[in-house]
Structures are given as structure tokens and as C-alpha cells.
């Protein structure tokens, strides 16, 4: 999933690497939470 997200992000922002994408999944009470953090470079395409 990280590679697919990276492909989409790189359509709009140049220079994002696989290590810049962090995905965490956790359960809270009766909810499943998918958290995604992407470190973006300063310059966009």
C-alpha cells in the first residue's frame, strides 16, 4: 500500500521517497484507525 500511495503523491509532489510515507493501524474501542503521515519536501512540481 505504501508504494501505491507514493505513486499518487509523486504525481503532485516531486521527491517523496518510500521512507517518507508512514502508515499505522490501530484499534480504538469499536473503531479501526488508519493513520498516514507523509513528509513532503519544500518544493512542489
C-alpha atoms as a PDB file:
ATOM      1  CA  UNK A   1       0.000   0.000   0.000  1.00  0.00           C
ATOM      2  CA  UNK A   2       2.902   2.387   0.721  1.00  0.00           C
ATOM      3  CA  UNK A   3       4.137   2.135  -2.869  1.00  0.00           C
ATOM      4  CA  UNK A   4       0.680   2.856  -4.284  1.00  0.00           C
ATOM      5  CA  UNK A   5       0.302   5.911  -2.046  1.00  0.00           C
ATOM      6  CA  UNK A   6       3.802   7.057  -3.002  1.00  0.00           C
ATOM      7  CA  UNK A   7       2.935   6.829  -6.724  1.00  0.00           C
ATOM      8  CA  UNK A   8      -0.126   9.046  -6.253  1.00  0.00           C
ATOM      9  CA  UNK A   9       1.715  11.583  -4.082  1.00  0.00           C
ATOM     10  CA  UNK A  10       4.574  11.810  -6.585  1.00  0.00           C
ATOM     11  CA  UNK A  11       2.101  12.842  -9.300  1.00  0.00           C
ATOM     12  CA  UNK A  12       1.696  16.110  -7.385  1.00  0.00           C
ATOM     13  CA  UNK A  13       4.845  16.468  -5.249  1.00  0.00           C
ATOM     14  CA  UNK A  14       8.317  15.700  -6.572  1.00  0.00           C
ATOM     15  CA  UNK A  15      10.897  13.979  -4.395  1.00  0.00           C
ATOM     16  CA  UNK A  16       8.864  11.986  -1.867  1.00  0.00           C
ATOM     17  CA  UNK A  17      10.605   8.686  -1.028  1.00  0.00           C
ATOM     18  CA  UNK A  18       9.186   5.436   0.361  1.00  0.00           C
ATOM     19  CA  UNK A  19      10.760   6.196   3.753  1.00  0.00           C
ATOM     20  CA  UNK A  20       8.792   9.473   3.849  1.00  0.00           C
ATOM     21  CA  UNK A  21       5.485   7.542   3.998  1.00  0.00           C
ATOM     22  CA  UNK A  22       4.466   6.169   7.407  1.00  0.00           C
ATOM     23  CA  UNK A  23       1.280   4.156   7.886  1.00  0.00           C
ATOM     24  CA  UNK A  24      -0.055   2.938  11.228  1.00  0.00           C
ATOM     25  CA  UNK A  25      -3.159   0.916  12.022  1.00  0.00           C
ATOM     26  CA  UNK A  26      -4.691   0.640  15.453  1.00  0.00           C
ATOM     27  CA  UNK A  27      -7.985  -0.227  17.086  1.00  0.00           C
ATOM     28  CA  UNK A  28      -9.674   2.179  19.468  1.00  0.00           C
ATOM     29  CA  UNK A  29     -12.800   0.913  21.190  1.00  0.00           C
ATOM     30  CA  UNK A  30     -15.022  -0.167  18.290  1.00  0.00           C
ATOM     31  CA  UNK A  31     -13.096   1.789  15.623  1.00  0.00           C
ATOM     32  CA  UNK A  32     -10.212   0.881  13.363  1.00  0.00           C
ATOM     33  CA  UNK A  33      -7.910   3.848  12.763  1.00  0.00           C
ATOM     34  CA  UNK A  34      -5.582   4.103   9.776  1.00  0.00           C
ATOM     35  CA  UNK A  35      -3.064   6.907  10.281  1.00  0.00           C
ATOM     36  CA  UNK A  36      -0.899   8.110   7.408  1.00  0.00           C
ATOM     37  CA  UNK A  37       1.934  10.640   7.678  1.00  0.00           C
ATOM     38  CA  UNK A  38       3.889  11.821   4.645  1.00  0.00           C
ATOM     39  CA  UNK A  39       6.945  14.047   4.944  1.00  0.00           C
ATOM     40  CA  UNK A  40       6.844  16.438   1.998  1.00  0.00           C
ATOM     41  CA  UNK A  41       9.782  18.326   0.509  1.00  0.00           C
ATOM     42  CA  UNK A  42       9.578  22.108   0.366  1.00  0.00           C
ATOM     43  CA  UNK A  43       9.069  22.414  -3.418  1.00  0.00           C
ATOM     44  CA  UNK A  44       6.035  21.095  -5.351  1.00  0.00           C
ATOM     45  CA  UNK A  45       6.003  20.035  -9.020  1.00  0.00           C
END
